[in-house]
Amino acid sequence: MYTEQNLSTQTKKQHTELAESKYSDFQTDCEVKAGNQILHQVGDTQIVTKGDCVIIKAGGVEVVIDSNGLVVRGGEIKAE
């Protein structure tokens, strides 16, 4: 697929893409909006972005950033 201008897709329910691999190259900006949450996941590692917090889970450690500040569960905070 190729276009000189804009390309849009729209669906009222679920839009699904399945591929072995996907590459995106944005020369300026990339904008993703969601009504509830955005999940980035590789294996067991996750970054969940919600309207009021960000949750990072990796290697048995969970980090929550919200209006109360930053909380680390199952790990420690170090400065080097």
PDB file of N, CA and C in Angstrom:
ATOM      1  N   MET A   1       0.831  -1.153   0.000  1.00  0.00           N
ATOM      2  CA  MET A   1       0.000   0.000   0.000  1.00  0.00           C
ATOM      3  C   MET A   1       0.893   1.239   0.000  1.00  0.00           C
ATOM      4  N   TYR A   2       0.576   2.217  -0.805  1.00  0.00           N
ATOM      5  CA  TYR A   2       1.355   3.448  -0.881  1.00  0.00           C
ATOM      6  C   TYR A   2       0.411   4.614  -1.141  1.00  0.00           C
ATOM      7  N   THR A   3       0.686   5.745  -0.515  1.00  0.00           N
ATOM      8  CA  THR A   3      -0.093   6.950  -0.772  1.00  0.00           C
ATOM      9  C   THR A   3       0.798   8.175  -0.626  1.00  0.00           C
ATOM     10  N   GLU A   4       0.547   9.186  -1.409  1.00  0.00           N
ATOM     11  CA  GLU A   4       1.299  10.448  -1.338  1.00  0.00           C
ATOM     12  C   GLU A   4       0.793  11.342  -0.212  1.00  0.00           C
ATOM     13  N   GLN A   5      -0.428  11.126   0.246  1.00  0.00           N
ATOM     14  CA  GLN A   5      -1.043  12.005   1.241  1.00  0.00           C
ATOM     15  C   GLN A   5      -1.355  11.239   2.525  1.00  0.00           C
ATOM     16  N   ASN A   6      -2.609  11.025   2.814  1.00  0.00           N
ATOM     17  CA  ASN A   6      -3.063  10.397   4.054  1.00  0.00           C
ATOM     18  C   ASN A   6      -3.652   9.023   3.780  1.00  0.00           C
ATOM     19  N   LEU A   7      -3.556   8.160   4.786  1.00  0.00           N
ATOM     20  CA  LEU A   7      -4.178   6.842   4.730  1.00  0.00           C
ATOM     21  C   LEU A   7      -4.915   6.637   6.042  1.00  0.00           C
ATOM     22  N   SER A   8      -6.177   6.323   5.989  1.00  0.00           N
ATOM     23  CA  SER A   8      -6.984   6.127   7.192  1.00  0.00           C
ATOM     24  C   SER A   8      -7.714   4.803   7.115  1.00  0.00           C
ATOM     25  N   THR A   9      -7.834   4.148   8.263  1.00  0.00           N
ATOM     26  CA  THR A   9      -8.713   2.993   8.397  1.00  0.00           C
ATOM     27  C   THR A   9      -9.608   3.262   9.599  1.00  0.00           C
ATOM     28  N   GLN A  10     -10.829   2.771   9.550  1.00  0.00           N
ATOM     29  CA  GLN A  10     -11.765   3.015  10.641  1.00  0.00           C
ATOM     30  C   GLN A  10     -12.657   1.801  10.807  1.00  0.00           C
ATOM     31  N   THR A  11     -12.924   1.446  12.059  1.00  0.00           N
ATOM     32  CA  THR A  11     -13.837   0.353  12.358  1.00  0.00           C
ATOM     33  C   THR A  11     -14.629   0.713  13.607  1.00  0.00           C
ATOM     34  N   LYS A  12     -15.851   0.225  13.701  1.00  0.00           N
ATOM     35  CA  LYS A  12     -16.688   0.534  14.860  1.00  0.00           C
ATOM     36  C   LYS A  12     -16.402  -0.394  16.038  1.00  0.00           C
ATOM     37  N   LYS A  13     -15.814  -1.544  15.801  1.00  0.00           N
ATOM     38  CA  LYS A  13     -15.585  -2.513  16.875  1.00  0.00           C
ATOM     39  C   LYS A  13     -14.096  -2.730  17.123  1.00  0.00           C
ATOM     40  N   GLN A  14     -13.545  -3.809  16.605  1.00  0.00           N
ATOM     41  CA  GLN A  14     -12.171  -4.231  16.867  1.00  0.00           C
ATOM     42  C   GLN A  14     -11.360  -4.173  15.588  1.00  0.00           C
ATOM     43  N   HIS A  15     -10.171  -3.582  15.651  1.00  0.00           N
ATOM     44  CA  HIS A  15      -9.227  -3.587  14.524  1.00  0.00           C
ATOM     45  C   HIS A  15      -8.030  -4.419  14.961  1.00  0.00           C
ATOM     46  N   THR A  16      -7.723  -5.478  14.236  1.00  0.00           N
ATOM     47  CA  THR A  16      -6.651  -6.392  14.608  1.00  0.00           C
ATOM     48  C   THR A  16      -5.657  -6.509  13.468  1.00  0.00           C
ATOM     49  N   GLU A  17      -4.363  -6.462  13.809  1.00  0.00           N
ATOM     50  CA  GLU A  17      -3.291  -6.732  12.854  1.00  0.00           C
ATOM     51  C   GLU A  17      -2.477  -7.892  13.404  1.00  0.00           C
ATOM     52  N   LEU A  18      -2.232  -8.897  12.591  1.00  0.00           N
ATOM     53  CA  LEU A  18      -1.421 -10.041  12.989  1.00  0.00           C
ATOM     54  C   LEU A  18      -0.266 -10.174  12.015  1.00  0.00           C
ATOM     55  N   ALA A  19       0.939 -10.283  12.551  1.00  0.00           N
ATOM     56  CA  ALA A  19       2.118 -10.431  11.700  1.00  0.00           C
ATOM     57  C   ALA A  19       3.241 -11.054  12.511  1.00  0.00           C
ATOM     58  N   GLU A  20       4.163 -11.694  11.828  1.00  0.00           N
ATOM     59  CA  GLU A  20       5.352 -12.212  12.501  1.00  0.00           C
ATOM     60  C   GLU A  20       6.221 -11.061  12.978  1.00  0.00           C
ATOM     61  N   SER A  21       6.249  -9.989  12.211  1.00  0.00           N
ATOM     62  CA  SER A  21       7.061  -8.824  12.543  1.00  0.00           C
ATOM     63  C   SER A  21       6.399  -7.585  11.950  1.00  0.00           C
ATOM     64  N   LYS A  22       6.588  -6.435  12.605  1.00  0.00           N
ATOM     65  CA  LYS A  22       6.050  -5.179  12.085  1.00  0.00           C
ATOM     66  C   LYS A  22       7.064  -4.078  12.349  1.00  0.00           C
ATOM     67  N   TYR A  23       7.279  -3.233  11.357  1.00  0.00           N
ATOM     68  CA  TYR A  23       8.221  -2.127  11.458  1.00  0.00           C
ATOM     69  C   TYR A  23       7.486  -0.835  11.146  1.00  0.00           C
ATOM     70  N   SER A  24       7.689   0.176  11.976  1.00  0.00           N
ATOM     71  CA  SER A  24       7.117   1.497  11.725  1.00  0.00           C
ATOM     72  C   SER A  24       8.229   2.524  11.822  1.00  0.00           C
ATOM     73  N   ASP A  25       8.276   3.446  10.877  1.00  0.00           N
ATOM     74  CA  ASP A  25       9.290   4.506  10.867  1.00  0.00           C
ATOM     75  C   ASP A  25       8.570   5.836  10.703  1.00  0.00           C
ATOM     76  N   PHE A  26       8.549   6.644  11.761  1.00  0.00           N
ATOM     77  CA  PHE A  26       7.880   7.934  11.736  1.00  0.00           C
ATOM     78  C   PHE A  26       8.930   9.023  11.661  1.00  0.00           C
ATOM     79  N   GLN A  27       8.840   9.872  10.667  1.00  0.00           N
ATOM     80  CA  GLN A  27       9.822  10.939  10.487  1.00  0.00           C
ATOM     81  C   GLN A  27       9.589  12.097  11.453  1.00  0.00           C
ATOM     82  N   THR A  28       8.378  12.274  11.947  1.00  0.00           N
ATOM     83  CA  THR A  28       8.105  13.372  12.881  1.00  0.00           C
ATOM     84  C   THR A  28       7.481  12.841  14.163  1.00  0.00           C
ATOM     85  N   ASP A  29       6.192  12.619  14.196  1.00  0.00           N
ATOM     86  CA  ASP A  29       5.500  12.250  15.428  1.00  0.00           C
ATOM     87  C   ASP A  29       4.742  10.939  15.271  1.00  0.00           C
ATOM     88  N   CYS A  30       4.517  10.282  16.388  1.00  0.00           N
ATOM     89  CA  CYS A  30       3.648   9.112  16.451  1.00  0.00           C
ATOM     90  C   CYS A  30       2.690   9.353  17.609  1.00  0.00           C
ATOM     91  N   GLU A  31       1.414   9.279  17.354  1.00  0.00           N
ATOM     92  CA  GLU A  31       0.413   9.549  18.384  1.00  0.00           C
ATOM     93  C   GLU A  31      -0.506   8.353  18.522  1.00  0.00           C
ATOM     94  N   VAL A  32      -0.645   7.869  19.759  1.00  0.00           N
ATOM     95  CA  VAL A  32      -1.532   6.756  20.058  1.00  0.00           C
ATOM     96  C   VAL A  32      -2.473   7.219  21.159  1.00  0.00           C
ATOM     97  N   LYS A  33      -3.768   7.086  20.942  1.00  0.00           N
ATOM     98  CA  LYS A  33      -4.761   7.463  21.943  1.00  0.00           C
ATOM     99  C   LYS A  33      -5.634   6.257  22.234  1.00  0.00           C
ATOM    100  N   ALA A  34      -6.008   6.099  23.493  1.00  0.00           N
ATOM    101  CA  ALA A  34      -6.894   5.008  23.883  1.00  0.00           C
ATOM    102  C   ALA A  34      -7.838   5.503  24.970  1.00  0.00           C
ATOM    103  N   GLY A  35      -9.034   4.957  24.993  1.00  0.00           N
ATOM    104  CA  GLY A  35     -10.015   5.353  25.993  1.00  0.00           C
ATOM    105  C   GLY A  35      -9.742   4.773  27.366  1.00  0.00           C
ATOM    106  N   ASN A  36      -9.153   3.576  27.441  1.00  0.00           N
ATOM    107  CA  ASN A  36      -8.935   2.915  28.726  1.00  0.00           C
ATOM    108  C   ASN A  36      -7.461   2.737  29.064  1.00  0.00           C
ATOM    109  N   GLN A  37      -6.741   2.003  28.237  1.00  0.00           N
ATOM    110  CA  GLN A  37      -5.328   1.765  28.522  1.00  0.00           C
ATOM    111  C   GLN A  37      -4.579   1.388  27.257  1.00  0.00           C
ATOM    112  N   ILE A  38      -3.249   1.539  27.324  1.00  0.00           N
ATOM    113  CA  ILE A  38      -2.348   1.085  26.268  1.00  0.00           C
ATOM    114  C   ILE A  38      -1.389   0.095  26.912  1.00  0.00           C
ATOM    115  N   LEU A  39      -1.241  -1.074  26.311  1.00  0.00           N
ATOM    116  CA  LEU A  39      -0.362  -2.123  26.822  1.00  0.00           C
ATOM    117  C   LEU A  39       0.764  -2.354  25.826  1.00  0.00           C
ATOM    118  N   HIS A  40       2.007  -2.217  26.311  1.00  0.00           N
ATOM    119  CA  HIS A  40       3.195  -2.604  25.537  1.00  0.00           C
ATOM    120  C   HIS A  40       3.740  -3.844  26.234  1.00  0.00           C
ATOM    121  N   GLN A  41       3.896  -4.941  25.514  1.00  0.00           N
ATOM    122  CA  GLN A  41       4.347  -6.175  26.149  1.00  0.00           C
ATOM    123  C   GLN A  41       5.345  -6.899  25.274  1.00  0.00           C
ATOM    124  N   VAL A  42       6.450  -7.332  25.902  1.00  0.00           N
ATOM    125  CA  VAL A  42       7.443  -8.200  25.277  1.00  0.00           C
ATOM    126  C   VAL A  42       7.715  -9.305  26.286  1.00  0.00           C
ATOM    127  N   GLY A  43       7.310 -10.532  25.961  1.00  0.00           N
ATOM    128  CA  GLY A  43       7.443 -11.628  26.919  1.00  0.00           C
ATOM    129  C   GLY A  43       6.610 -11.321  28.154  1.00  0.00           C
ATOM    130  N   ASP A  44       7.236 -11.402  29.335  1.00  0.00           N
ATOM    131  CA  ASP A  44       6.540 -11.105  30.583  1.00  0.00           C
ATOM    132  C   ASP A  44       6.685  -9.643  31.005  1.00  0.00           C
ATOM    133  N   THR A  45       7.440  -8.861  30.264  1.00  0.00           N
ATOM    134  CA  THR A  45       7.659  -7.451  30.601  1.00  0.00           C
ATOM    135  C   THR A  45       6.540  -6.608  30.008  1.00  0.00           C
ATOM    136  N   GLN A  46       5.962  -5.736  30.848  1.00  0.00           N
ATOM    137  CA  GLN A  46       4.828  -4.919  30.417  1.00  0.00           C
ATOM    138  C   GLN A  46       4.993  -3.462  30.823  1.00  0.00           C
ATOM    139  N   ILE A  47       4.466  -2.581  29.994  1.00  0.00           N
ATOM    140  CA  ILE A  47       4.244  -1.187  30.359  1.00  0.00           C
ATOM    141  C   ILE A  47       2.775  -0.921  30.066  1.00  0.00           C
ATOM    142  N   VAL A  48       2.015  -0.620  31.106  1.00  0.00           N
ATOM    143  CA  VAL A  48       0.590  -0.336  30.970  1.00  0.00           C
ATOM    144  C   VAL A  48       0.391   1.141  31.277  1.00  0.00           C
ATOM    145  N   THR A  49      -0.195   1.858  30.339  1.00  0.00           N
ATOM    146  CA  THR A  49      -0.480   3.275  30.520  1.00  0.00           C
ATOM    147  C   THR A  49      -1.984   3.441  30.619  1.00  0.00           C
ATOM    148  N   LYS A  50      -2.438   4.030  31.717  1.00  0.00           N
ATOM    149  CA  LYS A  50      -3.860   4.303  31.921  1.00  0.00           C
ATOM    150  C   LYS A  50      -4.031   5.810  32.063  1.00  0.00           C
ATOM    151  N   GLY A  51      -5.248   6.253  32.201  1.00  0.00           N
ATOM    152  CA  GLY A  51      -5.513   7.680  32.310  1.00  0.00           C
ATOM    153  C   GLY A  51      -4.928   8.323  33.548  1.00  0.00           C
ATOM    154  N   ASP A  52      -4.717   7.538  34.603  1.00  0.00           N
ATOM    155  CA  ASP A  52      -4.242   8.102  35.860  1.00  0.00           C
ATOM    156  C   ASP A  52      -2.949   7.484  36.381  1.00  0.00           C
ATOM    157  N   CYS A  53      -2.350   6.550  35.638  1.00  0.00           N
ATOM    158  CA  CYS A  53      -1.119   5.931  36.126  1.00  0.00           C
ATOM    159  C   CYS A  53      -0.369   5.222  35.004  1.00  0.00           C
ATOM    160  N   VAL A  54       0.893   4.893  35.312  1.00  0.00           N
ATOM    161  CA  VAL A  54       1.731   4.056  34.451  1.00  0.00           C
ATOM    162  C   VAL A  54       2.238   2.919  35.318  1.00  0.00           C
ATOM    163  N   ILE A  55       2.117   1.692  34.836  1.00  0.00           N
ATOM    164  CA  ILE A  55       2.573   0.514  35.570  1.00  0.00           C
ATOM    165  C   ILE A  55       3.611  -0.197  34.717  1.00  0.00           C
ATOM    166  N   ILE A  56       4.789  -0.419  35.299  1.00  0.00           N
ATOM    167  CA  ILE A  56       5.872  -1.128  34.613  1.00  0.00           C
ATOM    168  C   ILE A  56       6.124  -2.423  35.374  1.00  0.00           C
ATOM    169  N   LYS A  57       6.083  -3.559  34.670  1.00  0.00           N
ATOM    170  CA  LYS A  57       6.346  -4.858  35.285  1.00  0.00           C
ATOM    171  C   LYS A  57       7.490  -5.521  34.536  1.00  0.00           C
ATOM    172  N   ALA A  58       8.547  -5.866  35.264  1.00  0.00           N
ATOM    173  CA  ALA A  58       9.707  -6.518  34.649  1.00  0.00           C
ATOM    174  C   ALA A  58      10.461  -7.310  35.702  1.00  0.00           C
ATOM    175  N   GLY A  59      10.776  -8.552  35.395  1.00  0.00           N
ATOM    176  CA  GLY A  59      11.610  -9.370  36.266  1.00  0.00           C
ATOM    177  C   GLY A  59      11.097  -9.504  37.682  1.00  0.00           C
ATOM    178  N   GLY A  60       9.799  -9.578  37.875  1.00  0.00           N
ATOM    179  CA  GLY A  60       9.226  -9.712  39.208  1.00  0.00           C
ATOM    180  C   GLY A  60       9.101  -8.404  39.965  1.00  0.00           C
ATOM    181  N   VAL A  61       9.478  -7.304  39.355  1.00  0.00           N
ATOM    182  CA  VAL A  61       9.372  -5.980  39.975  1.00  0.00           C
ATOM    183  C   VAL A  61       8.224  -5.229  39.313  1.00  0.00           C
ATOM    184  N   GLU A  62       7.446  -4.528  40.126  1.00  0.00           N
ATOM    185  CA  GLU A  62       6.364  -3.693  39.609  1.00  0.00           C
ATOM    186  C   GLU A  62       6.575  -2.266  40.082  1.00  0.00           C
ATOM    187  N   VAL A  63       6.527  -1.330  39.146  1.00  0.00           N
ATOM    188  CA  VAL A  63       6.661   0.094  39.454  1.00  0.00           C
ATOM    189  C   VAL A  63       5.361   0.770  39.057  1.00  0.00           C
ATOM    190  N   VAL A  64       4.771   1.502  39.997  1.00  0.00           N
ATOM    191  CA  VAL A  64       3.537   2.232  39.732  1.00  0.00           C
ATOM    192  C   VAL A  64       3.815   3.714  39.924  1.00  0.00           C
ATOM    193  N   ILE A  65       3.490   4.505  38.907  1.00  0.00           N
ATOM    194  CA  ILE A  65       3.601   5.956  38.992  1.00  0.00           C
ATOM    195  C   ILE A  65       2.191   6.505  38.851  1.00  0.00           C
ATOM    196  N   ASP A  66       1.726   7.206  39.905  1.00  0.00           N
ATOM    197  CA  ASP A  66       0.390   7.793  39.868  1.00  0.00           C
ATOM    198  C   ASP A  66       0.379   9.076  40.687  1.00  0.00           C
ATOM    199  N   SER A  67      -0.798   9.558  41.046  1.00  0.00           N
ATOM    200  CA  SER A  67      -0.903  10.825  41.777  1.00  0.00           C
ATOM    201  C   SER A  67      -0.300  10.752  43.174  1.00  0.00           C
ATOM    202  N   ASN A  68      -0.071   9.548  43.684  1.00  0.00           N
ATOM    203  CA  ASN A  68       0.568   9.378  44.990  1.00  0.00           C
ATOM    204  C   ASN A  68       2.086   9.372  44.904  1.00  0.00           C
ATOM    205  N   GLY A  69       2.633   9.329  43.697  1.00  0.00           N
ATOM    206  CA  GLY A  69       4.078   9.291  43.513  1.00  0.00           C
ATOM    207  C   GLY A  69       4.509   8.015  42.823  1.00  0.00           C
ATOM    208  N   LEU A  70       5.673   7.509  43.230  1.00  0.00           N
ATOM    209  CA  LEU A  70       6.259   6.317  42.626  1.00  0.00           C
ATOM    210  C   LEU A  70       6.354   5.228  43.687  1.00  0.00           C
ATOM    211  N   VAL A  71       5.851   4.040  43.380  1.00  0.00           N
ATOM    212  CA  VAL A  71       5.903   2.905  44.296  1.00  0.00           C
ATOM    213  C   VAL A  71       6.582   1.747  43.581  1.00  0.00           C
ATOM    214  N   VAL A  72       7.566   1.123  44.253  1.00  0.00           N
ATOM    215  CA  VAL A  72       8.257  -0.046  43.718  1.00  0.00           C
ATOM    216  C   VAL A  72       7.895  -1.241  44.587  1.00  0.00           C
ATOM    217  N   ARG A  73       7.378  -2.300  43.955  1.00  0.00           N
ATOM    218  CA  ARG A  73       7.031  -3.527  44.670  1.00  0.00           C
ATOM    219  C   ARG A  73       7.942  -4.648  44.180  1.00  0.00           C
ATOM    220  N   GLY A  74       8.546  -5.377  45.110  1.00  0.00           N
ATOM    221  CA  GLY A  74       9.366  -6.520  44.751  1.00  0.00           C
ATOM    222  C   GLY A  74      10.764  -6.166  44.296  1.00  0.00           C
ATOM    223  N   GLY A  75      11.204  -4.941  44.561  1.00  0.00           N
ATOM    224  CA  GLY A  75      12.538  -4.518  44.144  1.00  0.00           C
ATOM    225  C   GLY A  75      13.002  -3.334  44.963  1.00  0.00           C
ATOM    226  N   GLU A  76      14.024  -2.672  44.505  1.00  0.00           N
ATOM    227  CA  GLU A  76      14.584  -1.533  45.226  1.00  0.00           C
ATOM    228  C   GLU A  76      14.909  -0.412  44.251  1.00  0.00           C
ATOM    229  N   ILE A  77      15.094   0.781  44.805  1.00  0.00           N
ATOM    230  CA  ILE A  77      15.503   1.938  44.012  1.00  0.00           C
ATOM    231  C   ILE A  77      16.959   2.225  44.337  1.00  0.00           C
ATOM    232  N   LYS A  78      17.804   2.322  43.305  1.00  0.00           N
ATOM    233  CA  LYS A  78      19.227   2.618  43.496  1.00  0.00           C
ATOM    234  C   LYS A  78      19.624   3.779  42.605  1.00  0.00           C
ATOM    235  N   ALA A  79      20.551   4.564  43.081  1.00  0.00           N
ATOM    236  CA  ALA A  79      21.144   5.626  42.263  1.00  0.00           C
ATOM    237  C   ALA A  79      22.620   5.308  42.103  1.00  0.00           C
ATOM    238  N   GLU A  80      23.113   5.401  40.886  1.00  0.00           N
ATOM    239  CA  GLU A  80      24.530   5.098  40.646  1.00  0.00           C
ATOM    240  C   GLU A  80      25.215   6.295  40.060  1.00  0.00           C
TER     241      GLU A  80
END
